[in-house]
Amino acid sequence: MPEPFDTRYDMTEAIAPAGGGGGGGAVDPAASGPQGLKDRPRRLTLPWRKEPGRRLGGPAAPTGRGLWSDAWHDLRRNPVFIVSALIILFLVVIAIWPQLIASGNPYHGDLARAQDGPAPGHPFGYDLQGRDVYTRTVYGARASITVGICATLGAALLGSALGGLAGYFGGWWDALLSRIADVFFGIPILLGGLVFLSVVTSGSVWPVVGFIVLLGWPQISRIARGSVVTVKEHDYVQAARALGASSGRTLLRHIAPNAVAPVIVVATIALGTYISLEATLSFLGVGLKPPTVSWGIDISSAATQIRNAPHMLLWPAGALSITVLAFIMLGDAVRDALDPKLR
């Protein structure tokens, strides 16, 4: 039975003893006595060096990890990612189920308590119409998170599809999409929002989402195009083409999984930007409109009373700032984990 791998193995170099016939002849069998032992070859004993991942008595297990495994390994040990992810998880939960931490009605008002400060059961005070600021701050997360997530998904999907096609096929398709993207890049986003949303009478989140997707896809499209142009020159993509893989299969199976990392990073950071953009448009009166509960609407109504009742502005503005900061911190952590240049 062979010995286990953690024992010592003898490695002997055959060296002819002195006087045993020149030219490296065979060792004299007669030299087997005690005196002949001195002339015998020396035995060099070396310890067996275990390879990483080798099992006892078995072959070596693979130890290499892919990009996503390395990224998750780094993210789990990054306190910035953990803190930002917990904040975002809390915000998503209260956006779906705000009644978990706020039992009041965000539309109920008592004019006798208008602009009153904090009171028992109402820690954030009251607004101009006597509505509970705490309840409205909690319910306002729903509109902001919905706009941010839906606009990010729409811009990421549209920009990735158009940018990926432009980067893969090149030629006139690339030139056409690049010029169209340049046109949208030239539109100031606030001016475009004032013009586009001023003619929309609906106060729901969907016109705002559509406007952000319309002006947000060119940025992600450029990122996706550059990533696809880089990835399509790799050997495994050329091998797939040589084996007769179709363009769709090559894009979906070989290029997209290896080109999506920069898009995820940019989209995560852009999500926080889109939330702040929705609040800005609502503050200017062209975004979300009452009776929709939004942080931007509450900030707009409290701006004129900042001296008399600063609590009306403090809490929705603070919630907005924490939300945007959490998404930006999450995007920075993901970028650090996925960018090999920062390792």
C-alpha atoms as a PDB file:
ATOM      1  CA  MET A   1       0.000   0.000   0.000  1.00  0.00           C
ATOM      2  CA  PRO A   2       1.502   3.383  -0.951  1.00  0.00           C
ATOM      3  CA  GLU A   3       2.357   5.737   1.864  1.00  0.00           C
ATOM      4  CA  PRO A   4       0.296   8.930   2.327  1.00  0.00           C
ATOM      5  CA  PHE A   5       1.462  12.169   0.745  1.00  0.00           C
ATOM      6  CA  ASP A   6       2.663  13.777   3.946  1.00  0.00           C
ATOM      7  CA  THR A   7       5.588  11.374   4.449  1.00  0.00           C
ATOM      8  CA  ARG A   8       9.130  11.911   3.241  1.00  0.00           C
ATOM      9  CA  TYR A   9      10.275  10.503  -0.054  1.00  0.00           C
ATOM     10  CA  ASP A  10      13.847   9.502  -0.874  1.00  0.00           C
ATOM     11  CA  MET A  11      15.345  11.108  -3.932  1.00  0.00           C
ATOM     12  CA  THR A  12      18.647   9.370  -4.818  1.00  0.00           C
ATOM     13  CA  GLU A  13      21.051  10.468  -7.476  1.00  0.00           C
ATOM     14  CA  ALA A  14      23.050   7.601  -8.966  1.00  0.00           C
ATOM     15  CA  ILE A  15      26.678   8.602  -8.564  1.00  0.00           C
ATOM     16  CA  ALA A  16      29.392   6.034  -9.347  1.00  0.00           C
ATOM     17  CA  PRO A  17      31.749   5.379  -6.386  1.00  0.00           C
ATOM     18  CA  ALA A  18      35.369   6.318  -6.685  1.00  0.00           C
ATOM     19  CA  GLY A  19      37.398   3.696  -8.454  1.00  0.00           C
ATOM     20  CA  GLY A  20      34.359   1.899  -9.735  1.00  0.00           C
ATOM     21  CA  GLY A  21      35.447   2.043 -13.370  1.00  0.00           C
ATOM     22  CA  GLY A  22      35.766   5.403 -15.138  1.00  0.00           C
ATOM     23  CA  GLY A  23      33.225   6.818 -17.434  1.00  0.00           C
ATOM     24  CA  GLY A  24      30.295   6.366 -15.054  1.00  0.00           C
ATOM     25  CA  GLY A  25      30.223   2.540 -15.074  1.00  0.00           C
ATOM     26  CA  ALA A  26      27.961   0.406 -12.894  1.00  0.00           C
ATOM     27  CA  VAL A  27      28.533   0.052  -9.159  1.00  0.00           C
ATOM     28  CA  ASP A  28      30.498  -3.082  -8.097  1.00  0.00           C
ATOM     29  CA  PRO A  29      28.045  -5.453  -6.432  1.00  0.00           C
ATOM     30  CA  ALA A  30      30.862  -6.759  -4.237  1.00  0.00           C
ATOM     31  CA  ALA A  31      31.036  -3.449  -2.473  1.00  0.00           C
ATOM     32  CA  SER A  32      28.054  -4.360  -0.284  1.00  0.00           C
ATOM     33  CA  GLY A  33      29.767  -4.789   3.022  1.00  0.00           C
ATOM     34  CA  PRO A  34      30.146  -2.242   5.751  1.00  0.00           C
ATOM     35  CA  GLN A  35      33.182  -0.753   4.004  1.00  0.00           C
ATOM     36  CA  GLY A  36      31.267  -0.536   0.713  1.00  0.00           C
ATOM     37  CA  LEU A  37      28.520   1.478   2.366  1.00  0.00           C
ATOM     38  CA  LYS A  38      30.868   4.430   2.585  1.00  0.00           C
ATOM     39  CA  ASP A  39      31.275   4.432  -1.180  1.00  0.00           C
ATOM     40  CA  ARG A  40      27.602   4.063  -1.929  1.00  0.00           C
ATOM     41  CA  PRO A  41      25.554   7.003  -3.257  1.00  0.00           C
ATOM     42  CA  ARG A  42      24.152   9.293  -0.644  1.00  0.00           C
ATOM     43  CA  ARG A  43      20.405   9.532  -0.188  1.00  0.00           C
ATOM     44  CA  LEU A  44      18.902  13.041  -0.283  1.00  0.00           C
ATOM     45  CA  THR A  45      15.682  13.130   1.715  1.00  0.00           C
ATOM     46  CA  LEU A  46      13.336  16.050   0.964  1.00  0.00           C
ATOM     47  CA  PRO A  47       9.931  16.775   2.556  1.00  0.00           C
ATOM     48  CA  TRP A  48       6.907  16.407   0.326  1.00  0.00           C
ATOM     49  CA  ARG A  49       5.478  19.816  -0.364  1.00  0.00           C
ATOM     50  CA  LYS A  50       1.725  19.739  -0.437  1.00  0.00           C
ATOM     51  CA  GLU A  51       0.077  21.773  -3.179  1.00  0.00           C
ATOM     52  CA  PRO A  52      -2.707  24.171  -2.154  1.00  0.00           C
ATOM     53  CA  GLY A  53      -6.016  22.403  -2.357  1.00  0.00           C
ATOM     54  CA  ARG A  54      -4.514  18.876  -2.565  1.00  0.00           C
ATOM     55  CA  ARG A  55      -6.489  16.221  -0.737  1.00  0.00           C
ATOM     56  CA  LEU A  56      -4.722  13.425   1.104  1.00  0.00           C
ATOM     57  CA  GLY A  57      -4.086  10.641  -1.377  1.00  0.00           C
ATOM     58  CA  GLY A  58      -5.973  12.401  -4.183  1.00  0.00           C
ATOM     59  CA  PRO A  59      -5.421  14.854  -7.020  1.00  0.00           C
ATOM     60  CA  ALA A  60      -5.026  18.560  -6.467  1.00  0.00           C
ATOM     61  CA  ALA A  61      -8.318  20.441  -6.299  1.00  0.00           C
ATOM     62  CA  PRO A  62      -8.662  23.638  -8.330  1.00  0.00           C
ATOM     63  CA  THR A  63      -8.115  26.753  -6.241  1.00  0.00           C
ATOM     64  CA  GLY A  64      -8.641  29.502  -8.825  1.00  0.00           C
ATOM     65  CA  ARG A  65     -11.719  31.715  -8.530  1.00  0.00           C
ATOM     66  CA  GLY A  66     -13.505  33.724 -11.143  1.00  0.00           C
ATOM     67  CA  LEU A  67     -14.142  37.454 -11.233  1.00  0.00           C
ATOM     68  CA  TRP A  68     -17.501  37.226  -9.482  1.00  0.00           C
ATOM     69  CA  SER A  69     -16.214  34.880  -6.764  1.00  0.00           C
ATOM     70  CA  ASP A  70     -13.287  37.208  -6.066  1.00  0.00           C
ATOM     71  CA  ALA A  71     -15.616  40.210  -6.047  1.00  0.00           C
ATOM     72  CA  TRP A  72     -18.010  38.599  -3.559  1.00  0.00           C
ATOM     73  CA  HIS A  73     -15.065  37.522  -1.412  1.00  0.00           C
ATOM     74  CA  ASP A  74     -13.880  41.155  -1.246  1.00  0.00           C
ATOM     75  CA  LEU A  75     -17.332  42.657  -0.774  1.00  0.00           C
ATOM     76  CA  ARG A  76     -18.105  40.499   2.257  1.00  0.00           C
ATOM     77  CA  ARG A  77     -15.053  41.966   3.971  1.00  0.00           C
ATOM     78  CA  ASN A  78     -15.693  45.577   2.971  1.00  0.00           C
ATOM     79  CA  PRO A  79     -17.433  47.550   5.761  1.00  0.00           C
ATOM     80  CA  VAL A  80     -18.560  50.217   3.283  1.00  0.00           C
ATOM     81  CA  PHE A  81     -20.452  47.604   1.274  1.00  0.00           C
ATOM     82  CA  ILE A  82     -21.995  46.039   4.372  1.00  0.00           C
ATOM     83  CA  VAL A  83     -23.216  49.362   5.810  1.00  0.00           C
ATOM     84  CA  SER A  84     -24.589  50.647   2.507  1.00  0.00           C
ATOM     85  CA  ALA A  85     -26.249  47.306   1.707  1.00  0.00           C
ATOM     86  CA  LEU A  86     -27.988  47.244   5.111  1.00  0.00           C
ATOM     87  CA  ILE A  87     -29.249  50.818   4.636  1.00  0.00           C
ATOM     88  CA  ILE A  88     -30.560  50.010   1.150  1.00  0.00           C
ATOM     89  CA  LEU A  89     -32.202  46.809   2.386  1.00  0.00           C
ATOM     90  CA  PHE A  90     -33.960  48.771   5.132  1.00  0.00           C
ATOM     91  CA  LEU A  91     -35.138  51.392   2.623  1.00  0.00           C
ATOM     92  CA  VAL A  92     -36.472  48.754   0.244  1.00  0.00           C
ATOM     93  CA  VAL A  93     -38.354  47.041   3.067  1.00  0.00           C
ATOM     94  CA  ILE A  94     -40.053  50.241   4.248  1.00  0.00           C
ATOM     95  CA  ALA A  95     -40.800  51.194   0.640  1.00  0.00           C
ATOM     96  CA  ILE A  96     -42.714  47.929   0.203  1.00  0.00           C
ATOM     97  CA  TRP A  97     -44.237  47.752   3.700  1.00  0.00           C
ATOM     98  CA  PRO A  98     -44.189  51.273   5.216  1.00  0.00           C
ATOM     99  CA  GLN A  99     -46.847  50.272   7.751  1.00  0.00           C
ATOM    100  CA  LEU A 100     -44.236  48.180   9.564  1.00  0.00           C
ATOM    101  CA  ILE A 101     -42.775  51.291  11.208  1.00  0.00           C
ATOM    102  CA  ALA A 102     -45.431  53.942  10.502  1.00  0.00           C
ATOM    103  CA  SER A 103     -49.032  53.276  11.501  1.00  0.00           C
ATOM    104  CA  GLY A 104     -50.393  56.715  10.638  1.00  0.00           C
ATOM    105  CA  ASN A 105     -52.053  58.034   7.495  1.00  0.00           C
ATOM    106  CA  PRO A 106     -49.726  60.231   5.383  1.00  0.00           C
ATOM    107  CA  TYR A 107     -52.734  62.143   3.979  1.00  0.00           C
ATOM    108  CA  HIS A 108     -54.481  62.887   7.276  1.00  0.00           C
ATOM    109  CA  GLY A 109     -53.976  66.463   8.476  1.00  0.00           C
ATOM    110  CA  ASP A 110     -54.970  68.514  11.489  1.00  0.00           C
ATOM    111  CA  LEU A 111     -54.698  72.239  10.755  1.00  0.00           C
ATOM    112  CA  ALA A 112     -54.737  73.001  14.470  1.00  0.00           C
ATOM    113  CA  ARG A 113     -51.289  71.352  14.692  1.00  0.00           C
ATOM    114  CA  ALA A 114     -49.799  72.935  11.553  1.00  0.00           C
ATOM    115  CA  GLN A 115     -46.018  73.486  11.843  1.00  0.00           C
ATOM    116  CA  ASP A 116     -45.946  72.142  15.408  1.00  0.00           C
ATOM    117  CA  GLY A 117     -42.721  70.578  16.573  1.00  0.00           C
ATOM    118  CA  PRO A 118     -42.142  67.043  17.841  1.00  0.00           C
ATOM    119  CA  ALA A 119     -44.787  65.618  20.159  1.00  0.00           C
ATOM    120  CA  PRO A 120     -45.427  62.239  21.807  1.00  0.00           C
ATOM    121  CA  GLY A 121     -46.247  59.776  19.023  1.00  0.00           C
ATOM    122  CA  HIS A 122     -45.105  62.292  16.387  1.00  0.00           C
ATOM    123  CA  PRO A 123     -41.300  62.519  16.733  1.00  0.00           C
ATOM    124  CA  PHE A 124     -40.744  64.581  13.562  1.00  0.00           C
ATOM    125  CA  GLY A 125     -43.508  67.124  14.145  1.00  0.00           C
ATOM    126  CA  TYR A 126     -46.162  68.355  11.705  1.00  0.00           C
ATOM    127  CA  ASP A 127     -46.067  70.073   8.308  1.00  0.00           C
ATOM    128  CA  LEU A 128     -48.021  73.056   6.931  1.00  0.00           C
ATOM    129  CA  GLN A 129     -51.257  71.077   6.711  1.00  0.00           C
ATOM    130  CA  GLY A 130     -50.886  69.378  10.066  1.00  0.00           C
ATOM    131  CA  ARG A 131     -49.754  66.037   8.595  1.00  0.00           C
ATOM    132  CA  ASP A 132     -47.312  63.832  10.460  1.00  0.00           C
ATOM    133  CA  VAL A 133     -43.805  64.438   9.042  1.00  0.00           C
ATOM    134  CA  TYR A 134     -42.543  61.060  10.274  1.00  0.00           C
ATOM    135  CA  THR A 135     -45.282  59.154   8.448  1.00  0.00           C
ATOM    136  CA  ARG A 136     -44.765  61.120   5.248  1.00  0.00           C
ATOM    137  CA  THR A 137     -41.009  60.626   5.421  1.00  0.00           C
ATOM    138  CA  VAL A 138     -41.467  56.853   5.694  1.00  0.00           C
ATOM    139  CA  TYR A 139     -44.046  56.687   2.904  1.00  0.00           C
ATOM    140  CA  GLY A 140     -41.964  58.981   0.707  1.00  0.00           C
ATOM    141  CA  ALA A 141     -39.338  56.243   0.324  1.00  0.00           C
ATOM    142  CA  ARG A 142     -41.718  54.249  -1.894  1.00  0.00           C
ATOM    143  CA  ALA A 143     -41.847  56.803  -4.725  1.00  0.00           C
ATOM    144  CA  SER A 144     -38.131  57.596  -4.656  1.00  0.00           C
ATOM    145  CA  ILE A 145     -36.997  53.954  -4.555  1.00  0.00           C
ATOM    146  CA  THR A 146     -39.484  52.998  -7.286  1.00  0.00           C
ATOM    147  CA  VAL A 147     -38.295  55.766  -9.592  1.00  0.00           C
ATOM    148  CA  GLY A 148     -34.629  54.982  -8.939  1.00  0.00           C
ATOM    149  CA  ILE A 149     -34.865  51.220  -9.471  1.00  0.00           C
ATOM    150  CA  CYS A 150     -37.189  51.307 -12.491  1.00  0.00           C
ATOM    151  CA  ALA A 151     -35.254  54.103 -14.217  1.00  0.00           C
ATOM    152  CA  THR A 152     -31.947  52.324 -13.606  1.00  0.00           C
ATOM    153  CA  LEU A 153     -33.233  49.014 -14.948  1.00  0.00           C
ATOM    154  CA  GLY A 154     -34.700  50.684 -18.034  1.00  0.00           C
ATOM    155  CA  ALA A 155     -31.593  52.741 -18.799  1.00  0.00           C
ATOM    156  CA  ALA A 156     -29.293  49.773 -18.154  1.00  0.00           C
ATOM    157  CA  LEU A 157     -31.232  47.388 -20.385  1.00  0.00           C
ATOM    158  CA  LEU A 158     -31.673  49.871 -23.230  1.00  0.00           C
ATOM    159  CA  GLY A 159     -28.146  51.233 -23.039  1.00  0.00           C
ATOM    160  CA  SER A 160     -26.548  47.784 -22.735  1.00  0.00           C
ATOM    161  CA  ALA A 161     -28.482  46.415 -25.706  1.00  0.00           C
ATOM    162  CA  LEU A 162     -27.718  49.337 -28.011  1.00  0.00           C
ATOM    163  CA  GLY A 163     -24.136  49.758 -26.850  1.00  0.00           C
ATOM    164  CA  GLY A 164     -23.446  46.023 -27.062  1.00  0.00           C
ATOM    165  CA  LEU A 165     -24.750  45.830 -30.632  1.00  0.00           C
ATOM    166  CA  ALA A 166     -22.749  48.890 -31.643  1.00  0.00           C
ATOM    167  CA  GLY A 167     -19.556  47.533 -30.129  1.00  0.00           C
ATOM    168  CA  TYR A 168     -19.973  44.043 -31.592  1.00  0.00           C
ATOM    169  CA  PHE A 169     -20.998  44.844 -35.170  1.00  0.00           C
ATOM    170  CA  GLY A 170     -19.221  48.193 -35.580  1.00  0.00           C
ATOM    171  CA  GLY A 171     -19.387  49.912 -38.962  1.00  0.00           C
ATOM    172  CA  TRP A 172     -22.370  52.065 -39.845  1.00  0.00           C
ATOM    173  CA  TRP A 173     -24.404  50.657 -36.915  1.00  0.00           C
ATOM    174  CA  ASP A 174     -21.792  51.875 -34.460  1.00  0.00           C
ATOM    175  CA  ALA A 175     -21.555  55.277 -36.144  1.00  0.00           C
ATOM    176  CA  LEU A 176     -25.345  55.731 -36.187  1.00  0.00           C
ATOM    177  CA  LEU A 177     -25.860  54.851 -32.520  1.00  0.00           C
ATOM    178  CA  SER A 178     -22.903  56.980 -31.468  1.00  0.00           C
ATOM    179  CA  ARG A 179     -24.345  60.031 -33.212  1.00  0.00           C
ATOM    180  CA  ILE A 180     -27.786  59.435 -31.673  1.00  0.00           C
ATOM    181  CA  ALA A 181     -26.199  59.169 -28.237  1.00  0.00           C
ATOM    182  CA  ASP A 182     -24.330  62.429 -28.834  1.00  0.00           C
ATOM    183  CA  VAL A 183     -27.656  64.168 -29.528  1.00  0.00           C
ATOM    184  CA  PHE A 184     -29.080  63.033 -26.167  1.00  0.00           C
ATOM    185  CA  PHE A 185     -25.851  63.942 -24.395  1.00  0.00           C
ATOM    186  CA  GLY A 186     -26.271  67.509 -25.646  1.00  0.00           C
ATOM    187  CA  ILE A 187     -29.652  67.958 -23.911  1.00  0.00           C
ATOM    188  CA  PRO A 188     -29.328  69.525 -20.430  1.00  0.00           C
ATOM    189  CA  ILE A 189     -31.121  67.137 -18.128  1.00  0.00           C
ATOM    190  CA  LEU A 190     -32.892  69.756 -15.990  1.00  0.00           C
ATOM    191  CA  LEU A 191     -33.938  71.809 -18.997  1.00  0.00           C
ATOM    192  CA  GLY A 192     -35.133  68.660 -20.735  1.00  0.00           C
ATOM    193  CA  GLY A 193     -37.109  67.696 -17.642  1.00  0.00           C
ATOM    194  CA  LEU A 194     -38.778  71.102 -17.448  1.00  0.00           C
ATOM    195  CA  VAL A 195     -39.790  70.927 -21.125  1.00  0.00           C
ATOM    196  CA  PHE A 196     -40.778  67.263 -21.276  1.00  0.00           C
ATOM    197  CA  LEU A 197     -42.569  66.895 -17.942  1.00  0.00           C
ATOM    198  CA  SER A 198     -44.326  70.274 -18.004  1.00  0.00           C
ATOM    199  CA  VAL A 199     -46.740  68.957 -20.653  1.00  0.00           C
ATOM    200  CA  VAL A 200     -47.487  65.785 -18.659  1.00  0.00           C
ATOM    201  CA  THR A 201     -50.527  66.061 -16.453  1.00  0.00           C
ATOM    202  CA  SER A 202     -50.107  62.747 -14.658  1.00  0.00           C
ATOM    203  CA  GLY A 203     -48.485  62.924 -11.246  1.00  0.00           C
ATOM    204  CA  SER A 204     -47.465  59.261 -11.105  1.00  0.00           C
ATOM    205  CA  VAL A 205     -43.927  57.924 -11.187  1.00  0.00           C
ATOM    206  CA  TRP A 206     -44.006  56.543 -14.740  1.00  0.00           C
ATOM    207  CA  PRO A 207     -43.581  59.799 -16.727  1.00  0.00           C
ATOM    208  CA  VAL A 208     -40.563  60.603 -14.557  1.00  0.00           C
ATOM    209  CA  VAL A 209     -39.168  57.093 -15.080  1.00  0.00           C
ATOM    210  CA  GLY A 210     -39.637  57.391 -18.840  1.00  0.00           C
ATOM    211  CA  PHE A 211     -37.872  60.752 -18.962  1.00  0.00           C
ATOM    212  CA  ILE A 212     -34.895  59.505 -16.953  1.00  0.00           C
ATOM    213  CA  VAL A 213     -34.565  56.411 -19.166  1.00  0.00           C
ATOM    214  CA  LEU A 214     -34.760  58.607 -22.267  1.00  0.00           C
ATOM    215  CA  LEU A 215     -31.823  60.756 -21.162  1.00  0.00           C
ATOM    216  CA  GLY A 216     -29.959  58.143 -19.112  1.00  0.00           C
ATOM    217  CA  TRP A 217     -29.314  55.341 -21.615  1.00  0.00           C
ATOM    218  CA  PRO A 218     -26.498  57.084 -23.597  1.00  0.00           C
ATOM    219  CA  GLN A 219     -24.115  57.032 -20.629  1.00  0.00           C
ATOM    220  CA  ILE A 220     -24.551  53.297 -20.062  1.00  0.00           C
ATOM    221  CA  SER A 221     -24.483  52.709 -23.816  1.00  0.00           C
ATOM    222  CA  ARG A 222     -20.983  54.136 -24.084  1.00  0.00           C
ATOM    223  CA  ILE A 223     -19.767  52.031 -21.163  1.00  0.00           C
ATOM    224  CA  ALA A 224     -21.282  48.875 -22.668  1.00  0.00           C
ATOM    225  CA  ARG A 225     -19.858  49.608 -26.120  1.00  0.00           C
ATOM    226  CA  GLY A 226     -16.333  50.087 -24.817  1.00  0.00           C
ATOM    227  CA  SER A 227     -16.525  46.914 -22.728  1.00  0.00           C
ATOM    228  CA  VAL A 228     -17.808  44.820 -25.655  1.00  0.00           C
ATOM    229  CA  VAL A 229     -15.120  46.198 -27.988  1.00  0.00           C
ATOM    230  CA  THR A 230     -12.486  45.061 -25.478  1.00  0.00           C
ATOM    231  CA  VAL A 231     -13.963  41.631 -24.767  1.00  0.00           C
ATOM    232  CA  LYS A 232     -14.664  40.637 -28.365  1.00  0.00           C
ATOM    233  CA  GLU A 233     -10.939  40.610 -29.162  1.00  0.00           C
ATOM    234  CA  HIS A 234     -10.206  37.870 -26.613  1.00  0.00           C
ATOM    235  CA  ASP A 235      -9.151  34.425 -27.779  1.00  0.00           C
ATOM    236  CA  TYR A 236     -12.196  32.574 -26.495  1.00  0.00           C
ATOM    237  CA  VAL A 237     -14.496  34.834 -28.525  1.00  0.00           C
ATOM    238  CA  GLN A 238     -12.413  34.262 -31.657  1.00  0.00           C
ATOM    239  CA  ALA A 239     -12.523  30.526 -30.970  1.00  0.00           C
ATOM    240  CA  ALA A 240     -16.324  30.598 -30.679  1.00  0.00           C
ATOM    241  CA  ARG A 241     -16.554  32.381 -34.007  1.00  0.00           C
ATOM    242  CA  ALA A 242     -14.190  29.895 -35.621  1.00  0.00           C
ATOM    243  CA  LEU A 243     -16.375  27.019 -34.385  1.00  0.00           C
ATOM    244  CA  GLY A 244     -19.364  28.556 -36.159  1.00  0.00           C
ATOM    245  CA  ALA A 245     -21.218  30.175 -33.228  1.00  0.00           C
ATOM    246  CA  SER A 246     -23.863  32.649 -34.320  1.00  0.00           C
ATOM    247  CA  SER A 247     -23.639  36.327 -33.469  1.00  0.00           C
ATOM    248  CA  GLY A 248     -26.473  36.051 -30.948  1.00  0.00           C
ATOM    249  CA  ARG A 249     -24.910  33.093 -29.172  1.00  0.00           C
ATOM    250  CA  THR A 250     -21.506  34.771 -29.127  1.00  0.00           C
ATOM    251  CA  LEU A 251     -22.968  37.940 -27.638  1.00  0.00           C
ATOM    252  CA  LEU A 252     -25.140  36.251 -25.019  1.00  0.00           C
ATOM    253  CA  ARG A 253     -22.928  33.321 -23.991  1.00  0.00           C
ATOM    254  CA  HIS A 254     -19.374  34.605 -24.370  1.00  0.00           C
ATOM    255  CA  ILE A 255     -19.299  38.421 -24.480  1.00  0.00           C
ATOM    256  CA  ALA A 256     -22.156  39.626 -22.252  1.00  0.00           C
ATOM    257  CA  PRO A 257     -21.146  37.730 -19.060  1.00  0.00           C
ATOM    258  CA  ASN A 258     -17.608  39.129 -19.316  1.00  0.00           C
ATOM    259  CA  ALA A 259     -18.577  42.675 -20.343  1.00  0.00           C
ATOM    260  CA  VAL A 260     -21.383  43.358 -17.853  1.00  0.00           C
ATOM    261  CA  ALA A 261     -19.232  44.287 -14.830  1.00  0.00           C
ATOM    262  CA  PRO A 262     -18.603  47.962 -15.818  1.00  0.00           C
ATOM    263  CA  VAL A 263     -22.304  48.372 -16.610  1.00  0.00           C
ATOM    264  CA  ILE A 264     -23.286  47.124 -13.147  1.00  0.00           C
ATOM    265  CA  VAL A 265     -20.887  49.560 -11.484  1.00  0.00           C
ATOM    266  CA  VAL A 266     -22.131  52.577 -13.451  1.00  0.00           C
ATOM    267  CA  ALA A 267     -25.791  51.605 -13.010  1.00  0.00           C
ATOM    268  CA  THR A 268     -25.412  51.232  -9.235  1.00  0.00           C
ATOM    269  CA  ILE A 269     -23.920  54.706  -8.897  1.00  0.00           C
ATOM    270  CA  ALA A 270     -26.468  56.147 -11.340  1.00  0.00           C
ATOM    271  CA  LEU A 271     -29.341  54.814  -9.226  1.00  0.00           C
ATOM    272  CA  GLY A 272     -28.547  57.277  -6.459  1.00  0.00           C
ATOM    273  CA  THR A 273     -28.238  60.041  -9.033  1.00  0.00           C
ATOM    274  CA  TYR A 274     -31.662  59.226 -10.474  1.00  0.00           C
ATOM    275  CA  ILE A 275     -33.256  59.382  -7.023  1.00  0.00           C
ATOM    276  CA  SER A 276     -31.811  62.845  -6.467  1.00  0.00           C
ATOM    277  CA  LEU A 277     -32.951  63.868  -9.963  1.00  0.00           C
ATOM    278  CA  GLU A 278     -36.518  62.810  -9.190  1.00  0.00           C
ATOM    279  CA  ALA A 279     -36.444  64.853  -5.986  1.00  0.00           C
ATOM    280  CA  THR A 280     -35.086  67.865  -7.887  1.00  0.00           C
ATOM    281  CA  LEU A 281     -37.790  67.660 -10.552  1.00  0.00           C
ATOM    282  CA  SER A 282     -40.476  67.249  -7.880  1.00  0.00           C
ATOM    283  CA  PHE A 283     -39.042  70.230  -5.997  1.00  0.00           C
ATOM    284  CA  LEU A 284     -39.360  72.315  -9.181  1.00  0.00           C
ATOM    285  CA  GLY A 285     -42.981  71.209  -9.588  1.00  0.00           C
ATOM    286  CA  VAL A 286     -42.628  69.167 -12.789  1.00  0.00           C
ATOM    287  CA  GLY A 287     -41.858  65.731 -11.352  1.00  0.00           C
ATOM    288  CA  LEU A 288     -44.184  63.885  -9.028  1.00  0.00           C
ATOM    289  CA  LYS A 289     -47.284  65.820  -8.053  1.00  0.00           C
ATOM    290  CA  PRO A 290     -49.677  65.635  -5.088  1.00  0.00           C
ATOM    291  CA  PRO A 291     -51.309  63.517  -3.808  1.00  0.00           C
ATOM    292  CA  THR A 292     -48.231  61.353  -4.407  1.00  0.00           C
ATOM    293  CA  VAL A 293     -46.033  61.292  -1.300  1.00  0.00           C
ATOM    294  CA  SER A 294     -42.476  62.239  -2.243  1.00  0.00           C
ATOM    295  CA  TRP A 295     -39.462  63.629  -0.474  1.00  0.00           C
ATOM    296  CA  GLY A 296     -39.045  66.233  -3.207  1.00  0.00           C
ATOM    297  CA  ILE A 297     -42.621  67.478  -2.765  1.00  0.00           C
ATOM    298  CA  ASP A 298     -42.223  67.754   1.016  1.00  0.00           C
ATOM    299  CA  ILE A 299     -38.915  69.589   0.657  1.00  0.00           C
ATOM    300  CA  SER A 300     -40.529  72.020  -1.781  1.00  0.00           C
ATOM    301  CA  SER A 301     -43.419  72.802   0.588  1.00  0.00           C
ATOM    302  CA  ALA A 302     -41.061  73.193   3.563  1.00  0.00           C
ATOM    303  CA  ALA A 303     -38.489  75.417   1.831  1.00  0.00           C
ATOM    304  CA  THR A 304     -40.493  78.595   2.468  1.00  0.00           C
ATOM    305  CA  GLN A 305     -40.863  77.794   6.189  1.00  0.00           C
ATOM    306  CA  ILE A 306     -37.267  76.879   6.961  1.00  0.00           C
ATOM    307  CA  ARG A 307     -36.956  79.629   9.577  1.00  0.00           C
ATOM    308  CA  ASN A 308     -40.282  79.015  11.296  1.00  0.00           C
ATOM    309  CA  ALA A 309     -40.353  75.209  11.161  1.00  0.00           C
ATOM    310  CA  PRO A 310     -36.952  73.756  10.175  1.00  0.00           C
ATOM    311  CA  HIS A 311     -38.056  70.247  11.171  1.00  0.00           C
ATOM    312  CA  MET A 312     -40.309  70.147   8.113  1.00  0.00           C
ATOM    313  CA  LEU A 313     -37.254  70.347   5.851  1.00  0.00           C
ATOM    314  CA  LEU A 314     -34.721  68.486   7.972  1.00  0.00           C
ATOM    315  CA  TRP A 315     -36.230  64.999   7.981  1.00  0.00           C
ATOM    316  CA  PRO A 316     -37.191  64.485   4.306  1.00  0.00           C
ATOM    317  CA  ALA A 317     -33.939  66.131   3.185  1.00  0.00           C
ATOM    318  CA  GLY A 318     -31.952  63.916   5.557  1.00  0.00           C
ATOM    319  CA  ALA A 319     -33.713  60.770   4.310  1.00  0.00           C
ATOM    320  CA  LEU A 320     -32.993  61.765   0.714  1.00  0.00           C
ATOM    321  CA  SER A 321     -29.319  62.443   1.458  1.00  0.00           C
ATOM    322  CA  ILE A 322     -28.831  59.122   3.274  1.00  0.00           C
ATOM    323  CA  THR A 323     -30.492  57.204   0.433  1.00  0.00           C
ATOM    324  CA  VAL A 324     -28.386  58.808  -2.296  1.00  0.00           C
ATOM    325  CA  LEU A 325     -25.210  58.399  -0.249  1.00  0.00           C
ATOM    326  CA  ALA A 326     -25.962  54.701   0.383  1.00  0.00           C
ATOM    327  CA  PHE A 327     -26.316  53.921  -3.309  1.00  0.00           C
ATOM    328  CA  ILE A 328     -23.183  55.866  -4.217  1.00  0.00           C
ATOM    329  CA  MET A 329     -21.206  54.073  -1.501  1.00  0.00           C
ATOM    330  CA  LEU A 330     -22.532  50.738  -2.758  1.00  0.00           C
ATOM    331  CA  GLY A 331     -21.459  51.597  -6.302  1.00  0.00           C
ATOM    332  CA  ASP A 332     -17.974  52.574  -5.138  1.00  0.00           C
ATOM    333  CA  ALA A 333     -17.604  49.302  -3.225  1.00  0.00           C
ATOM    334  CA  VAL A 334     -18.743  47.257  -6.218  1.00  0.00           C
ATOM    335  CA  ARG A 335     -16.364  49.166  -8.479  1.00  0.00           C
ATOM    336  CA  ASP A 336     -13.423  48.472  -6.173  1.00  0.00           C
ATOM    337  CA  ALA A 337     -14.307  44.775  -6.087  1.00  0.00           C
ATOM    338  CA  LEU A 338     -14.793  44.345  -9.842  1.00  0.00           C
ATOM    339  CA  ASP A 339     -11.958  46.505 -11.132  1.00  0.00           C
ATOM    340  CA  PRO A 340      -8.791  44.352 -11.434  1.00  0.00           C
ATOM    341  CA  LYS A 341      -6.604  47.464 -11.604  1.00  0.00           C
ATOM    342  CA  LEU A 342      -7.536  48.313  -8.008  1.00  0.00           C
ATOM    343  CA  ARG A 343      -6.559  44.909  -6.582  1.00  0.00           C
END
